[in-house]
Amino acid sequence: MNGNIELESRLDRGRVYVIGDIHGRSDLLDRISAAIVSDLQANPVEESLVVTLGDYIDRGPDSRGVLDRLTRNPFPTEFVPLKGNHELMLESFLHDPSVADHWRRLGGLETLISYGVPVQALMVGKDYDHAAHALNAALPREHLEFIANLQTSLSVGKYFLCHAGVRPGVALDRQDPNDLLWIREPFLGSRANFGKIVVHGHTPREKPEVLANRINIDTGAYMTSRLTCVVLGRESVRFLSTGN
């Protein structure tokens, strides 16, 4: 399912936990889920929701393990997963194996390995068709369905959640899905009011960025072991993290 759904009253009654790019780090996903459990025990609320911002696969060592967990909702709350550009690349590869020429350089090999697909030929730019067939056979049906049903954005109160960002000057309900999944500039450099505060990942930073018009929570988990979750609610914005 693509597009927006509105949860305008959610922040009035409770709290939303938004998790950045996981990239194959099932160990960090387990740790951030435990941190959310602890936070809710220490700070109970009437309602709570977890949203993940996409890029569950690639780069890190256990893409399959991440999707195993997410398809079963590892969180103590309702859960809305959003789509990232890396999930789009996996889908595109299954339909057009030539995509591997790009995907293999962006962490796709690690995903294939996690599903037991040999990558020796892909490393030198060969046998893309065979690898696509092998991955399609190895992917559990629930993983395929999970990826196929990912939304591209979610609106919650004064926040607009998506993977990469938005196109300045375009209404939030008219954003191009490709921008929601891929954009960097002119979004990152814009100081415009987007209509809501955009909460996003996609562009790794050493620590979360909190600006007047956007919050970036991609802290490069696959290489830093720092997976970040922003906590949104009636209280001030705060963060949970798996690292220092």
C-alpha atoms as a PDB file:
ATOM      1  CA  MET A   1       0.000   0.000   0.000  1.00  0.00           C
ATOM      2  CA  ASN A   2       1.439   3.344  -1.026  1.00  0.00           C
ATOM      3  CA  GLY A   3       0.476   6.890  -0.126  1.00  0.00           C
ATOM      4  CA  ASN A   4      -0.493   8.605   3.099  1.00  0.00           C
ATOM      5  CA  ILE A   5      -2.635   7.619   6.011  1.00  0.00           C
ATOM      6  CA  GLU A   6      -3.599  10.145   8.634  1.00  0.00           C
ATOM      7  CA  LEU A   7      -3.292   9.621  12.375  1.00  0.00           C
ATOM      8  CA  GLU A   8      -3.834  13.183  13.447  1.00  0.00           C
ATOM      9  CA  SER A   9      -4.974  12.441  16.974  1.00  0.00           C
ATOM     10  CA  ARG A  10      -2.300   9.874  17.827  1.00  0.00           C
ATOM     11  CA  LEU A  11       0.084  12.360  19.422  1.00  0.00           C
ATOM     12  CA  ASP A  12      -2.695  13.849  21.564  1.00  0.00           C
ATOM     13  CA  ARG A  13      -3.333  10.480  23.197  1.00  0.00           C
ATOM     14  CA  GLY A  14       0.087   8.901  23.204  1.00  0.00           C
ATOM     15  CA  ARG A  15       3.443   8.505  21.531  1.00  0.00           C
ATOM     16  CA  VAL A  16       5.045   7.509  18.236  1.00  0.00           C
ATOM     17  CA  TYR A  17       8.453   5.820  18.056  1.00  0.00           C
ATOM     18  CA  VAL A  18      10.137   6.299  14.664  1.00  0.00           C
ATOM     19  CA  ILE A  19      13.142   4.122  13.785  1.00  0.00           C
ATOM     20  CA  GLY A  20      15.739   4.983  11.158  1.00  0.00           C
ATOM     21  CA  ASP A  21      17.541   2.864   8.548  1.00  0.00           C
ATOM     22  CA  ILE A  22      18.231  -0.659   9.880  1.00  0.00           C
ATOM     23  CA  HIS A  23      20.201  -2.055   6.888  1.00  0.00           C
ATOM     24  CA  GLY A  24      20.530  -5.693   7.810  1.00  0.00           C
ATOM     25  CA  ARG A  25      21.371  -5.191  11.483  1.00  0.00           C
ATOM     26  CA  SER A  26      18.937  -7.576  13.170  1.00  0.00           C
ATOM     27  CA  ASP A  27      20.982  -7.322  16.377  1.00  0.00           C
ATOM     28  CA  LEU A  28      20.336  -3.584  16.580  1.00  0.00           C
ATOM     29  CA  LEU A  29      16.663  -4.066  15.735  1.00  0.00           C
ATOM     30  CA  ASP A  30      16.391  -6.387  18.743  1.00  0.00           C
ATOM     31  CA  ARG A  31      18.101  -3.818  20.948  1.00  0.00           C
ATOM     32  CA  ILE A  32      15.970  -0.861  19.862  1.00  0.00           C
ATOM     33  CA  SER A  33      12.811  -2.937  20.328  1.00  0.00           C
ATOM     34  CA  ALA A  34      13.932  -3.732  23.884  1.00  0.00           C
ATOM     35  CA  ALA A  35      14.640  -0.036  24.452  1.00  0.00           C
ATOM     36  CA  ILE A  36      11.079   0.825  23.385  1.00  0.00           C
ATOM     37  CA  VAL A  37       9.708  -1.767  25.808  1.00  0.00           C
ATOM     38  CA  SER A  38      11.750  -0.221  28.615  1.00  0.00           C
ATOM     39  CA  ASP A  39      10.712   3.297  27.667  1.00  0.00           C
ATOM     40  CA  LEU A  40       7.025   2.403  27.708  1.00  0.00           C
ATOM     41  CA  GLN A  41       7.408   0.713  31.083  1.00  0.00           C
ATOM     42  CA  ALA A  42       9.120   3.796  32.493  1.00  0.00           C
ATOM     43  CA  ASN A  43       6.820   6.279  30.726  1.00  0.00           C
ATOM     44  CA  PRO A  44       3.435   4.631  30.081  1.00  0.00           C
ATOM     45  CA  VAL A  45       0.972   6.250  27.681  1.00  0.00           C
ATOM     46  CA  GLU A  46      -2.580   5.573  26.531  1.00  0.00           C
ATOM     47  CA  GLU A  47      -1.594   4.740  22.952  1.00  0.00           C
ATOM     48  CA  SER A  48       1.694   4.060  21.180  1.00  0.00           C
ATOM     49  CA  LEU A  49       2.843   3.291  17.667  1.00  0.00           C
ATOM     50  CA  VAL A  50       6.148   2.256  16.084  1.00  0.00           C
ATOM     51  CA  VAL A  51       7.029   3.413  12.567  1.00  0.00           C
ATOM     52  CA  THR A  52      10.106   2.232  10.661  1.00  0.00           C
ATOM     53  CA  LEU A  53      11.409   4.432   7.852  1.00  0.00           C
ATOM     54  CA  GLY A  54      12.579   1.770   5.393  1.00  0.00           C
ATOM     55  CA  ASP A  55      15.945   0.392   4.253  1.00  0.00           C
ATOM     56  CA  TYR A  56      15.598  -2.832   6.197  1.00  0.00           C
ATOM     57  CA  ILE A  57      17.925  -4.712   3.854  1.00  0.00           C
ATOM     58  CA  ASP A  58      21.384  -4.393   2.228  1.00  0.00           C
ATOM     59  CA  ARG A  59      24.798  -3.399   3.605  1.00  0.00           C
ATOM     60  CA  GLY A  60      24.501  -5.155   6.969  1.00  0.00           C
ATOM     61  CA  PRO A  61      24.909  -8.935   7.449  1.00  0.00           C
ATOM     62  CA  ASP A  62      21.366 -10.115   8.239  1.00  0.00           C
ATOM     63  CA  SER A  63      18.729  -8.696   5.905  1.00  0.00           C
ATOM     64  CA  ARG A  64      16.765 -11.933   6.122  1.00  0.00           C
ATOM     65  CA  GLY A  65      16.755 -11.772   9.915  1.00  0.00           C
ATOM     66  CA  VAL A  66      15.490  -8.193   9.872  1.00  0.00           C
ATOM     67  CA  LEU A  67      12.567  -9.102   7.611  1.00  0.00           C
ATOM     68  CA  ASP A  68      11.857 -12.222   9.675  1.00  0.00           C
ATOM     69  CA  ARG A  69      11.399  -9.980  12.699  1.00  0.00           C
ATOM     70  CA  LEU A  70       9.466  -7.188  11.011  1.00  0.00           C
ATOM     71  CA  THR A  71       6.952  -9.515   9.374  1.00  0.00           C
ATOM     72  CA  ARG A  72       6.047 -10.700  12.874  1.00  0.00           C
ATOM     73  CA  ASN A  73       6.047  -7.223  14.492  1.00  0.00           C
ATOM     74  CA  PRO A  74       8.797  -7.340  17.128  1.00  0.00           C
ATOM     75  CA  PHE A  75       7.465  -4.255  18.905  1.00  0.00           C
ATOM     76  CA  PRO A  76       5.156  -3.954  21.927  1.00  0.00           C
ATOM     77  CA  THR A  77       2.833  -1.638  19.979  1.00  0.00           C
ATOM     78  CA  GLU A  78       1.016  -1.251  16.701  1.00  0.00           C
ATOM     79  CA  PHE A  79       3.520  -1.087  13.844  1.00  0.00           C
ATOM     80  CA  VAL A  80       3.568   0.739  10.497  1.00  0.00           C
ATOM     81  CA  PRO A  81       6.546  -0.032   8.227  1.00  0.00           C
ATOM     82  CA  LEU A  82       7.431   2.422   5.468  1.00  0.00           C
ATOM     83  CA  LYS A  83       9.342   1.743   2.271  1.00  0.00           C
ATOM     84  CA  GLY A  84      12.944   2.671   1.507  1.00  0.00           C
ATOM     85  CA  ASN A  85      14.841   2.862  -1.765  1.00  0.00           C
ATOM     86  CA  HIS A  86      16.643  -0.408  -0.965  1.00  0.00           C
ATOM     87  CA  GLU A  87      13.364  -2.321  -0.807  1.00  0.00           C
ATOM     88  CA  LEU A  88      12.496  -0.784  -4.161  1.00  0.00           C
ATOM     89  CA  MET A  89      15.819  -1.980  -5.597  1.00  0.00           C
ATOM     90  CA  LEU A  90      15.140  -5.548  -4.445  1.00  0.00           C
ATOM     91  CA  GLU A  91      11.692  -5.486  -6.064  1.00  0.00           C
ATOM     92  CA  SER A  92      13.166  -3.999  -9.245  1.00  0.00           C
ATOM     93  CA  PHE A  93      15.894  -6.668  -9.361  1.00  0.00           C
ATOM     94  CA  LEU A  94      13.312  -9.458  -9.247  1.00  0.00           C
ATOM     95  CA  HIS A  95      11.517  -7.943 -12.265  1.00  0.00           C
ATOM     96  CA  ASP A  96      14.611  -6.724 -14.119  1.00  0.00           C
ATOM     97  CA  PRO A  97      17.843  -8.533 -13.141  1.00  0.00           C
ATOM     98  CA  SER A  98      19.974  -5.901 -14.909  1.00  0.00           C
ATOM     99  CA  VAL A  99      19.285  -3.707 -11.869  1.00  0.00           C
ATOM    100  CA  ALA A 100      21.972  -5.790 -10.149  1.00  0.00           C
ATOM    101  CA  ASP A 101      24.616  -3.737 -11.925  1.00  0.00           C
ATOM    102  CA  HIS A 102      23.612  -0.860  -9.630  1.00  0.00           C
ATOM    103  CA  TRP A 103      22.229  -2.755  -6.625  1.00  0.00           C
ATOM    104  CA  ARG A 104      25.308  -4.919  -6.078  1.00  0.00           C
ATOM    105  CA  ARG A 105      27.342  -1.776  -5.409  1.00  0.00           C
ATOM    106  CA  LEU A 106      24.839  -0.511  -2.821  1.00  0.00           C
ATOM    107  CA  GLY A 107      24.708  -3.502  -0.501  1.00  0.00           C
ATOM    108  CA  GLY A 108      22.648  -5.917  -2.577  1.00  0.00           C
ATOM    109  CA  LEU A 109      25.302  -8.642  -2.366  1.00  0.00           C
ATOM    110  CA  GLU A 110      24.919  -8.765   1.410  1.00  0.00           C
ATOM    111  CA  THR A 111      21.177  -9.294   1.019  1.00  0.00           C
ATOM    112  CA  LEU A 112      21.652 -12.094  -1.481  1.00  0.00           C
ATOM    113  CA  ILE A 113      24.166 -13.797   0.816  1.00  0.00           C
ATOM    114  CA  SER A 114      21.720 -13.596   3.721  1.00  0.00           C
ATOM    115  CA  TYR A 115      19.234 -15.623   1.631  1.00  0.00           C
ATOM    116  CA  GLY A 116      21.854 -18.166   0.593  1.00  0.00           C
ATOM    117  CA  VAL A 117      22.197 -16.927  -3.002  1.00  0.00           C
ATOM    118  CA  PRO A 118      25.735 -17.323  -4.427  1.00  0.00           C
ATOM    119  CA  VAL A 119      27.248 -13.972  -5.435  1.00  0.00           C
ATOM    120  CA  GLN A 120      30.611 -14.843  -6.970  1.00  0.00           C
ATOM    121  CA  ALA A 121      29.384 -14.237 -10.522  1.00  0.00           C
ATOM    122  CA  LEU A 122      27.519 -11.068  -9.563  1.00  0.00           C
ATOM    123  CA  MET A 123      30.685  -9.618  -8.063  1.00  0.00           C
ATOM    124  CA  VAL A 124      32.153  -9.514 -11.570  1.00  0.00           C
ATOM    125  CA  GLY A 125      28.913  -8.485 -13.289  1.00  0.00           C
ATOM    126  CA  LYS A 126      27.672 -11.868 -14.524  1.00  0.00           C
ATOM    127  CA  ASP A 127      24.664 -14.203 -14.196  1.00  0.00           C
ATOM    128  CA  TYR A 128      22.176 -11.582 -13.007  1.00  0.00           C
ATOM    129  CA  ASP A 129      19.226 -13.609 -14.322  1.00  0.00           C
ATOM    130  CA  HIS A 130      20.255 -16.715 -12.404  1.00  0.00           C
ATOM    131  CA  ALA A 131      20.674 -14.736  -9.185  1.00  0.00           C
ATOM    132  CA  ALA A 132      17.246 -13.112  -9.566  1.00  0.00           C
ATOM    133  CA  HIS A 133      15.604 -16.523 -10.007  1.00  0.00           C
ATOM    134  CA  ALA A 134      17.501 -17.887  -7.021  1.00  0.00           C
ATOM    135  CA  LEU A 135      16.502 -14.963  -4.812  1.00  0.00           C
ATOM    136  CA  ASN A 136      12.875 -15.215  -5.866  1.00  0.00           C
ATOM    137  CA  ALA A 137      12.919 -18.895  -4.876  1.00  0.00           C
ATOM    138  CA  ALA A 138      14.656 -18.200  -1.558  1.00  0.00           C
ATOM    139  CA  LEU A 139      12.473 -15.297  -0.404  1.00  0.00           C
ATOM    140  CA  PRO A 140       9.687 -16.442   1.915  1.00  0.00           C
ATOM    141  CA  ARG A 141       6.239 -15.430   0.693  1.00  0.00           C
ATOM    142  CA  GLU A 142       5.681 -13.318   3.808  1.00  0.00           C
ATOM    143  CA  HIS A 143       8.838 -11.313   3.030  1.00  0.00           C
ATOM    144  CA  LEU A 144       7.642 -10.613  -0.513  1.00  0.00           C
ATOM    145  CA  GLU A 145       4.202  -9.607   0.715  1.00  0.00           C
ATOM    146  CA  PHE A 146       5.670  -7.412   3.419  1.00  0.00           C
ATOM    147  CA  ILE A 147       7.787  -5.503   0.895  1.00  0.00           C
ATOM    148  CA  ALA A 148       4.958  -5.273  -1.643  1.00  0.00           C
ATOM    149  CA  ASN A 149       2.610  -3.720   0.926  1.00  0.00           C
ATOM    150  CA  LEU A 150       4.932  -1.066   2.322  1.00  0.00           C
ATOM    151  CA  GLN A 151       3.595   2.489   2.401  1.00  0.00           C
ATOM    152  CA  THR A 152       5.727   5.382   1.208  1.00  0.00           C
ATOM    153  CA  SER A 153       4.652   7.920   3.836  1.00  0.00           C
ATOM    154  CA  LEU A 154       2.642   8.489   6.965  1.00  0.00           C
ATOM    155  CA  SER A 155       1.228  11.666   8.491  1.00  0.00           C
ATOM    156  CA  VAL A 156       0.972  11.830  12.282  1.00  0.00           C
ATOM    157  CA  GLY A 157      -0.067  15.105  13.887  1.00  0.00           C
ATOM    158  CA  LYS A 158       2.425  17.819  12.930  1.00  0.00           C
ATOM    159  CA  TYR A 159       4.878  15.288  11.478  1.00  0.00           C
ATOM    160  CA  PHE A 160       5.231  13.774   7.997  1.00  0.00           C
ATOM    161  CA  LEU A 161       7.199  10.525   7.968  1.00  0.00           C
ATOM    162  CA  CYS A 162       8.967   9.116   4.909  1.00  0.00           C
ATOM    163  CA  HIS A 163      12.243   7.467   3.974  1.00  0.00           C
ATOM    164  CA  ALA A 164      14.252  10.126   2.139  1.00  0.00           C
ATOM    165  CA  GLY A 165      12.429  13.461   2.209  1.00  0.00           C
ATOM    166  CA  VAL A 166      10.110  15.618   0.126  1.00  0.00           C
ATOM    167  CA  ARG A 167      10.277  17.920  -2.877  1.00  0.00           C
ATOM    168  CA  PRO A 168      10.164  21.573  -1.708  1.00  0.00           C
ATOM    169  CA  GLY A 169       7.218  23.489  -3.149  1.00  0.00           C
ATOM    170  CA  VAL A 170       5.087  20.370  -3.670  1.00  0.00           C
ATOM    171  CA  ALA A 171       2.165  19.679  -1.333  1.00  0.00           C
ATOM    172  CA  LEU A 172       2.733  16.702   0.936  1.00  0.00           C
ATOM    173  CA  ASP A 173      -0.248  14.839  -0.502  1.00  0.00           C
ATOM    174  CA  ARG A 174       1.123  15.302  -4.035  1.00  0.00           C
ATOM    175  CA  GLN A 175       4.695  14.102  -3.512  1.00  0.00           C
ATOM    176  CA  ASP A 176       6.258  11.824  -6.117  1.00  0.00           C
ATOM    177  CA  PRO A 177       6.979   8.385  -4.592  1.00  0.00           C
ATOM    178  CA  ASN A 178      10.455   8.468  -6.159  1.00  0.00           C
ATOM    179  CA  ASP A 179      11.251  11.618  -4.214  1.00  0.00           C
ATOM    180  CA  LEU A 180       9.942  10.083  -0.991  1.00  0.00           C
ATOM    181  CA  LEU A 181      12.374   7.183  -1.518  1.00  0.00           C
ATOM    182  CA  TRP A 182      15.420   8.829  -3.110  1.00  0.00           C
ATOM    183  CA  ILE A 183      15.610  12.596  -2.704  1.00  0.00           C
ATOM    184  CA  ARG A 184      18.531  14.378  -1.091  1.00  0.00           C
ATOM    185  CA  GLU A 185      18.870  17.819  -2.671  1.00  0.00           C
ATOM    186  CA  PRO A 186      17.077  20.162  -2.909  1.00  0.00           C
ATOM    187  CA  PHE A 187      15.343  18.773   0.196  1.00  0.00           C
ATOM    188  CA  LEU A 188      18.315  18.649   2.578  1.00  0.00           C
ATOM    189  CA  GLY A 189      19.369  22.204   1.852  1.00  0.00           C
ATOM    190  CA  SER A 190      15.884  23.683   1.986  1.00  0.00           C
ATOM    191  CA  ARG A 191      14.798  25.864   4.892  1.00  0.00           C
ATOM    192  CA  ALA A 192      11.220  26.048   3.603  1.00  0.00           C
ATOM    193  CA  ASN A 193       8.195  25.206   5.687  1.00  0.00           C
ATOM    194  CA  PHE A 194       6.990  21.911   4.213  1.00  0.00           C
ATOM    195  CA  GLY A 195       3.614  22.137   5.952  1.00  0.00           C
ATOM    196  CA  LYS A 196       4.696  19.577   8.549  1.00  0.00           C
ATOM    197  CA  ILE A 197       8.005  18.608  10.099  1.00  0.00           C
ATOM    198  CA  VAL A 198       9.470  15.868   7.904  1.00  0.00           C
ATOM    199  CA  VAL A 199      10.959  12.916   9.796  1.00  0.00           C
ATOM    200  CA  HIS A 200      13.276  10.957   7.509  1.00  0.00           C
ATOM    201  CA  GLY A 201      16.378   8.818   7.107  1.00  0.00           C
ATOM    202  CA  HIS A 202      18.306   7.910   3.913  1.00  0.00           C
ATOM    203  CA  THR A 203      21.234  10.298   4.430  1.00  0.00           C
ATOM    204  CA  PRO A 204      23.544   9.092   7.223  1.00  0.00           C
ATOM    205  CA  ARG A 205      24.757  11.567   9.812  1.00  0.00           C
ATOM    206  CA  GLU A 206      26.932  11.109  12.901  1.00  0.00           C
ATOM    207  CA  LYS A 207      24.013  12.072  15.115  1.00  0.00           C
ATOM    208  CA  PRO A 208      20.344  12.970  14.553  1.00  0.00           C
ATOM    209  CA  GLU A 209      19.685  16.304  12.862  1.00  0.00           C
ATOM    210  CA  VAL A 210      16.914  18.385  14.370  1.00  0.00           C
ATOM    211  CA  LEU A 211      15.995  21.414  12.279  1.00  0.00           C
ATOM    212  CA  ALA A 212      12.891  23.595  12.199  1.00  0.00           C
ATOM    213  CA  ASN A 213      11.498  21.784   9.140  1.00  0.00           C
ATOM    214  CA  ARG A 214      12.923  18.246   9.377  1.00  0.00           C
ATOM    215  CA  ILE A 215      14.427  15.593  11.640  1.00  0.00           C
ATOM    216  CA  ASN A 216      16.964  13.130  10.177  1.00  0.00           C
ATOM    217  CA  ILE A 217      17.381   9.916  12.180  1.00  0.00           C
ATOM    218  CA  ASP A 218      19.698   7.915   9.886  1.00  0.00           C
ATOM    219  CA  THR A 219      22.845   7.443  11.963  1.00  0.00           C
ATOM    220  CA  GLY A 220      24.460   4.841   9.683  1.00  0.00           C
ATOM    221  CA  ALA A 221      23.553   1.850  11.845  1.00  0.00           C
ATOM    222  CA  TYR A 222      25.159  -0.757   9.590  1.00  0.00           C
ATOM    223  CA  MET A 223      28.610   0.823  10.034  1.00  0.00           C
ATOM    224  CA  THR A 224      28.298   2.662  13.375  1.00  0.00           C
ATOM    225  CA  SER A 225      26.134   0.177  15.326  1.00  0.00           C
ATOM    226  CA  ARG A 226      24.047   3.235  16.231  1.00  0.00           C
ATOM    227  CA  LEU A 227      20.390   2.707  15.332  1.00  0.00           C
ATOM    228  CA  THR A 228      18.320   5.739  16.269  1.00  0.00           C
ATOM    229  CA  CYS A 229      14.668   6.047  17.257  1.00  0.00           C
ATOM    230  CA  VAL A 230      13.019   9.445  17.677  1.00  0.00           C
ATOM    231  CA  VAL A 231      10.228   9.635  20.248  1.00  0.00           C
ATOM    232  CA  LEU A 232       7.360  11.943  19.276  1.00  0.00           C
ATOM    233  CA  GLY A 233       4.522  12.903  21.567  1.00  0.00           C
ATOM    234  CA  ARG A 234       3.218  15.624  23.813  1.00  0.00           C
ATOM    235  CA  GLU A 235       6.620  15.855  25.492  1.00  0.00           C
ATOM    236  CA  SER A 236       9.720  17.335  23.849  1.00  0.00           C
ATOM    237  CA  VAL A 237      11.345  15.380  21.028  1.00  0.00           C
ATOM    238  CA  ARG A 238      13.835  12.872  22.406  1.00  0.00           C
ATOM    239  CA  PHE A 239      15.839   9.911  21.136  1.00  0.00           C
ATOM    240  CA  LEU A 240      16.574   6.284  21.911  1.00  0.00           C
ATOM    241  CA  SER A 241      19.747   4.750  20.495  1.00  0.00           C
ATOM    242  CA  THR A 242      21.674   1.492  20.431  1.00  0.00           C
ATOM    243  CA  GLY A 243      24.991   3.322  20.693  1.00  0.00           C
ATOM    244  CA  ASN A 244      26.711   6.338  22.215  1.00  0.00           C
END
